[in-house]
Each structure stands twice: as C-alpha cells, then as structure tokens.
Amino acid sequence: MTAGTIEFHKYYAEGNSYVLIEGGPGVVGTAGWIADRIRGLGGDGLIVVDSKPGDAVHHMRVFNADGSEAGWCGNGARCVAALVCDRDGLEPGAKVTVTCAGGTAQHELLDRNGWIFRAEMPIGHDPIVEVAKDKRLVQLELGVPHLVVFGPRPEGEEQVDAAGTALCSARPGGTNVMFASHDEDGGMTVTPWERGVGPVMGCATGAAAAAIASEQLLGRALDDGYVRQPGGAICVEWDGD
C-alpha cells in the first residue's frame, strides 16, 4: 500500500459482489462511495477484514451499498474465508472462523476449485421472532433480520424493489426481505431483497431463514436441501428443535 492508494479485492459469492479491504485507517468512512455502482468499485457492499496469517478468528465488518453497517452476511463471510485460504495457502480440510457483530461461522474448505465451503453457524436462540396468523409472513433473526414472504414472488427488479422497500419500511429498524416459493421438485426458490442494498442476486442467511421457516412452520422440509436464488443455490441444513 502506498500513499493515496488502497489495496482491495473483489469477491463474488452466489452472485453477491463485495469489495474486501484488509484493515486500514479511514476505510470505513469510504464505504458508501467504494460500493457505489457508478462512482466507486461497485458491488453490494464493502467488507473490512481484520485478519493476519495464523489468526484463530478472522473478524469482519460489513457495510451495505448505502454505507450503513450490517451485523452479519453469510455470503460475505464466505468471501472472507476464501480470501484467508488463498492468502495463507490453506488446503481442503482447513477450517476458517469468521466473526462479525451479529454472529460467527466456521468454514471448512471442501474444494479450492470454485472455493466450495461448508459453513456452520451456531444460533443461540430461537431464530423465529414473529409469525403472521396465516404463516405467510415470518420474521427471523439470523445475525441480521429476515422477513420471509411465502407465496407468488414479484417479477422484475422494479417490482422486487418496490415490495421489498415497502415491507422493510413497515418493520421497526428495517429488515431484509426474502420472497419465497416452493418448487415442484421439492426445493425452494427465493428472490432476495437486502436492507441498505435493494434487490440482490443471493443472500445466504436469507436462504437459511426461508428453509427454517418452511420446515418449522409449514412442515415442508426441502427434499434436496437446496434454496435457489438468481445468483446460485445454497444447500441448507438446520439442526435444531
């Protein structure tokens, strides 16, 4: 790093795009313009990584495209795990623990080709916070708030953005919104909208929230475990009561 420059990395996970910067004073205040799609580097947000080789835990701070801070991001944590594995030359079987204000997840590297991980995130509380009478709307907390909306999903970015913005503004403090529908093959498709970002290609914890709500409240476990989103698919396993 030299004066007037910042070394950065650009990572993608399930269609989510993040700018990753390892520490550095003053970086946090630049989050809004770094992630700006026109004036900056573009992406769904900025992740500031506090990590060095040999650390047992790698801490991250997640800033949305609008500059606001998020407590957790599953896809972002996987990007950090990939950065650590690449930087430190870790091989399959290695485990990388990533922590943030809203949670901690351990990532086991399964394959360096495509950076495939299995992540485990302990939840010390009932993730289901509120359920509508018809069970169509379910509010969950998985490091960050997620409102799962079961039923026909809005089509087109403008409709997704309008519906997500309205539902977010109606919840105290705001929330991510996951529009979820069950597929004929026993899986699930989710269209994600993130607070502070808008429509996104993927949301890992949002996929988990939709799968948990489906199993716990609707009695519909996913046959293949996969939640499909515009940017890819996440295999979700929920081990809880």
Protein backbone atom coordinates (compact mmCIF):
# COMPACT_ATOMS: atom_id res chain seq x y z
CA MET A 1 0.00 0.00 0.00
CA THR A 2 1.32 3.44 -0.89
CA ALA A 3 0.15 6.94 -0.03
CA GLY A 4 -3.13 7.79 -1.73
CA THR A 5 -3.95 4.19 -2.67
CA ILE A 6 -5.90 1.35 -1.04
CA GLU A 7 -5.30 -2.29 -1.91
CA PHE A 8 -8.60 -4.08 -2.42
CA HIS A 9 -10.04 -7.40 -3.56
CA LYS A 10 -13.30 -8.07 -5.42
CA TYR A 11 -15.09 -11.28 -4.47
CA TYR A 12 -18.36 -12.88 -5.52
CA ALA A 13 -20.49 -15.47 -3.71
CA GLU A 14 -23.81 -16.67 -5.08
CA GLY A 15 -23.99 -13.56 -7.19
CA ASN A 16 -23.30 -11.22 -4.25
CA SER A 17 -20.44 -8.85 -5.02
CA TYR A 18 -18.19 -7.40 -2.34
CA VAL A 19 -15.13 -5.21 -2.15
CA LEU A 20 -12.81 -6.62 0.52
CA ILE A 21 -10.17 -4.45 2.19
CA GLU A 22 -7.82 -5.71 4.87
CA GLY A 23 -7.91 -3.12 7.65
CA GLY A 24 -6.56 0.35 7.06
CA PRO A 25 -7.49 3.57 8.89
CA GLY A 26 -10.19 5.71 7.33
CA VAL A 27 -11.58 2.93 5.14
CA VAL A 28 -14.89 2.67 6.99
CA GLY A 29 -15.85 6.25 6.11
CA THR A 30 -15.48 5.49 2.41
CA ALA A 31 -17.95 2.59 2.36
CA GLY A 32 -20.71 4.48 0.55
CA TRP A 33 -18.68 5.55 -2.46
CA ILE A 34 -16.49 2.43 -2.67
CA ALA A 35 -19.58 0.27 -3.30
CA ASP A 36 -21.29 2.86 -5.49
CA ARG A 37 -22.00 1.27 -8.89
CA ILE A 38 -21.15 4.44 -10.83
CA ARG A 39 -18.63 6.46 -8.81
CA GLY A 40 -16.92 3.61 -6.99
CA LEU A 41 -15.85 0.00 -7.45
CA GLY A 42 -19.41 -1.31 -7.48
CA GLY A 43 -20.95 -4.21 -5.59
CA ASP A 44 -23.41 -4.98 -2.83
CA GLY A 45 -21.13 -3.63 -0.14
CA LEU A 46 -17.74 -3.23 1.46
CA ILE A 47 -16.20 -5.73 3.87
CA VAL A 48 -13.34 -4.59 6.10
CA VAL A 49 -11.27 -7.59 7.21
CA ASP A 50 -9.21 -7.60 10.40
CA SER A 51 -7.05 -10.65 9.86
CA LYS A 52 -3.48 -11.82 9.59
CA PRO A 53 -1.91 -15.23 8.89
CA GLY A 54 -2.12 -17.56 11.87
CA ASP A 55 -5.15 -15.89 13.49
CA ALA A 56 -7.64 -18.30 15.05
CA VAL A 57 -10.53 -15.94 14.31
CA HIS A 58 -10.88 -13.51 11.44
CA HIS A 59 -13.11 -10.50 12.15
CA MET A 60 -15.09 -8.61 9.52
CA ARG A 61 -17.27 -5.52 9.37
CA VAL A 62 -19.92 -5.39 6.66
CA PHE A 63 -21.11 -2.12 5.11
CA ASN A 64 -24.04 -2.02 2.72
CA ALA A 65 -24.05 -0.14 -0.56
CA ASP A 66 -25.74 2.84 1.15
CA GLY A 67 -22.96 3.00 3.78
CA SER A 68 -24.99 1.51 6.64
CA GLU A 69 -23.45 -1.33 8.66
CA ALA A 70 -24.86 -4.86 8.80
CA GLY A 71 -24.36 -7.26 11.69
CA TRP A 72 -23.74 -10.30 9.53
CA CYS A 73 -23.53 -11.54 5.96
CA GLY A 74 -23.27 -15.23 5.11
CA ASN A 75 -22.03 -14.78 1.55
CA GLY A 76 -19.66 -12.06 2.72
CA ALA A 77 -18.24 -14.35 5.40
CA ARG A 78 -17.61 -16.99 2.76
CA CYS A 79 -15.74 -14.40 0.70
CA VAL A 80 -13.58 -13.62 3.72
CA ALA A 81 -12.91 -17.34 4.23
CA ALA A 82 -11.84 -17.64 0.59
CA LEU A 83 -9.56 -14.62 0.95
CA VAL A 84 -7.90 -16.14 4.03
CA CYS A 85 -7.49 -19.56 2.36
CA ASP A 86 -5.99 -18.01 -0.75
CA ARG A 87 -3.72 -15.63 1.13
CA ASP A 88 -2.48 -18.23 3.61
CA GLY A 89 -2.22 -21.14 1.15
CA LEU A 90 -4.72 -23.32 3.04
CA GLU A 91 -5.74 -26.68 1.57
CA PRO A 92 -9.05 -28.62 1.63
CA GLY A 93 -9.95 -29.66 5.15
CA ALA A 94 -8.74 -26.38 6.64
CA LYS A 95 -11.22 -24.52 8.82
CA VAL A 96 -11.57 -20.75 8.93
CA THR A 97 -13.63 -19.00 11.61
CA VAL A 98 -15.15 -15.66 10.60
CA THR A 99 -16.85 -13.43 13.14
CA CYS A 100 -18.87 -10.23 12.96
CA ALA A 101 -21.07 -8.24 15.33
CA GLY A 102 -24.09 -10.44 14.54
CA GLY A 103 -22.58 -13.90 14.57
CA THR A 104 -19.76 -16.35 13.96
CA ALA A 105 -19.40 -19.12 11.39
CA GLN A 106 -16.78 -21.79 10.87
CA HIS A 107 -15.98 -22.50 7.23
CA GLU A 108 -14.45 -25.81 6.16
CA LEU A 109 -12.75 -25.64 2.78
CA LEU A 110 -14.00 -28.53 0.63
CA ASP A 111 -12.56 -27.63 -2.76
CA ARG A 112 -10.23 -24.85 -3.91
CA ASN A 113 -11.68 -25.05 -7.43
CA GLY A 114 -14.60 -22.67 -7.11
CA TRP A 115 -13.90 -22.16 -3.40
CA ILE A 116 -16.56 -24.51 -2.08
CA PHE A 117 -17.15 -24.38 1.67
CA ARG A 118 -19.34 -25.95 4.28
CA ALA A 119 -20.21 -23.29 6.85
CA GLU A 120 -21.67 -23.89 10.30
CA MET A 121 -23.25 -21.01 12.19
CA PRO A 122 -24.50 -21.63 15.73
CA ILE A 123 -27.67 -19.79 16.72
CA GLY A 124 -28.09 -19.40 20.47
CA HIS A 125 -31.76 -18.51 20.34
CA ASP A 126 -34.98 -19.36 18.51
CA PRO A 127 -34.44 -17.70 15.13
CA ILE A 128 -38.20 -17.29 14.57
CA VAL A 129 -39.25 -13.96 16.04
CA GLU A 130 -42.76 -13.31 14.73
CA VAL A 131 -45.32 -15.22 12.64
CA ALA A 132 -48.40 -13.86 10.88
CA LYS A 133 -51.68 -15.70 11.51
CA ASP A 134 -51.71 -17.20 8.03
CA LYS A 135 -47.98 -18.04 8.35
CA ARG A 136 -47.33 -16.25 5.08
CA LEU A 137 -45.06 -13.69 6.75
CA VAL A 138 -42.32 -14.91 9.10
CA GLN A 139 -39.78 -12.65 10.78
CA LEU A 140 -36.49 -14.32 11.71
CA GLU A 141 -33.18 -13.23 13.20
CA LEU A 142 -30.03 -14.91 11.88
CA GLY A 143 -27.36 -12.37 12.63
CA VAL A 144 -29.49 -9.86 10.73
CA PRO A 145 -33.31 -9.67 10.44
CA HIS A 146 -35.03 -11.50 7.61
CA LEU A 147 -38.71 -11.30 6.71
CA VAL A 148 -39.69 -14.42 4.72
CA VAL A 149 -42.72 -13.88 2.48
CA PHE A 150 -44.30 -17.10 1.19
CA GLY A 151 -46.39 -17.03 -1.96
CA PRO A 152 -46.05 -15.74 -5.53
CA ARG A 153 -42.79 -13.86 -5.90
CA PRO A 154 -42.70 -10.40 -7.54
CA GLU A 155 -41.22 -10.41 -11.02
CA GLY A 156 -38.71 -7.88 -12.33
CA GLU A 157 -36.26 -5.76 -10.37
CA GLU A 158 -38.63 -2.80 -10.07
CA GLN A 159 -41.40 -4.90 -8.50
CA VAL A 160 -38.97 -6.65 -6.18
CA ASP A 161 -37.50 -3.31 -5.11
CA ALA A 162 -40.91 -1.71 -4.54
CA ALA A 163 -42.24 -4.63 -2.50
CA GLY A 164 -39.01 -5.03 -0.53
CA THR A 165 -38.79 -1.32 0.26
CA ALA A 166 -42.40 -1.22 1.48
CA LEU A 167 -42.06 -4.29 3.70
CA CYS A 168 -38.71 -3.11 5.09
CA SER A 169 -40.02 0.33 6.00
CA ALA A 170 -43.02 -1.24 7.77
CA ARG A 171 -40.77 -3.14 10.21
CA PRO A 172 -39.14 -1.33 13.15
CA GLY A 173 -35.46 -0.92 12.30
CA GLY A 174 -35.98 -2.40 8.85
CA THR A 175 -35.36 -5.91 7.61
CA ASN A 176 -34.10 -7.96 4.70
CA VAL A 177 -36.98 -9.45 2.70
CA MET A 178 -36.97 -12.94 1.17
CA PHE A 179 -39.76 -13.69 -1.32
CA ALA A 180 -40.06 -17.49 -1.21
CA SER A 181 -42.00 -20.11 -3.15
CA HIS A 182 -41.85 -23.92 -3.16
CA ASP A 183 -40.82 -25.71 -6.33
CA GLU A 184 -42.49 -28.78 -7.79
CA ASP A 185 -39.32 -30.80 -7.29
CA GLY A 186 -39.44 -30.23 -3.51
CA GLY A 187 -36.92 -27.42 -3.44
CA MET A 188 -37.43 -23.70 -2.90
CA THR A 189 -36.78 -20.55 -4.88
CA VAL A 190 -36.10 -17.26 -3.11
CA THR A 191 -35.89 -13.76 -4.55
CA PRO A 192 -33.84 -11.69 -2.08
CA TRP A 193 -34.04 -8.01 -1.23
CA GLU A 194 -31.50 -6.62 1.25
CA ARG A 195 -31.84 -3.64 3.56
CA GLY A 196 -29.38 -0.94 2.54
CA VAL A 197 -28.80 -2.54 -0.86
CA GLY A 198 -32.04 -3.43 -2.67
CA PRO A 199 -32.56 -6.44 -4.96
CA VAL A 200 -29.56 -8.77 -4.88
CA MET A 201 -28.59 -11.98 -6.64
CA GLY A 202 -28.24 -14.02 -3.45
CA CYS A 203 -28.44 -14.00 0.33
CA ALA A 204 -27.05 -16.99 2.25
CA THR A 205 -28.62 -16.30 5.64
CA GLY A 206 -31.83 -15.35 3.83
CA ALA A 207 -31.83 -18.76 2.18
CA ALA A 208 -31.35 -20.36 5.59
CA ALA A 209 -34.17 -18.26 7.05
CA ALA A 210 -36.57 -19.37 4.30
CA ALA A 211 -35.65 -23.04 4.76
CA ILE A 212 -36.06 -22.87 8.55
CA ALA A 213 -39.41 -21.09 8.31
CA SER A 214 -40.66 -23.63 5.78
CA GLU A 215 -39.67 -26.62 7.90
CA GLN A 216 -40.68 -25.29 11.30
CA LEU A 217 -43.94 -23.54 10.44
CA LEU A 218 -45.23 -25.12 7.24
CA GLY A 219 -43.92 -28.61 7.86
CA ARG A 220 -42.21 -28.61 4.48
CA ALA A 221 -38.57 -29.63 4.64
CA LEU A 222 -36.64 -29.26 1.40
CA ASP A 223 -36.26 -32.59 -0.38
CA ASP A 224 -32.79 -31.81 -1.72
CA GLY A 225 -31.86 -29.14 0.83
CA TYR A 226 -31.28 -26.52 -1.88
CA VAL A 227 -32.58 -22.98 -1.87
CA ARG A 228 -32.25 -21.46 -5.35
CA GLN A 229 -31.70 -17.75 -5.88
CA PRO A 230 -30.92 -15.70 -9.00
CA GLY A 231 -27.16 -15.96 -8.45
CA GLY A 232 -26.91 -19.62 -7.47
CA ALA A 233 -28.02 -22.12 -4.86
CA ILE A 234 -27.27 -22.77 -1.19
CA CYS A 235 -27.66 -26.17 0.45
CA VAL A 236 -29.22 -25.59 3.88
CA GLU A 237 -29.25 -27.99 6.81
CA TRP A 238 -31.00 -26.93 10.01
CA ASP A 239 -30.08 -28.82 13.18
CA GLY A 240 -32.40 -27.56 15.86
CA ASP A 241 -35.67 -28.10 17.73
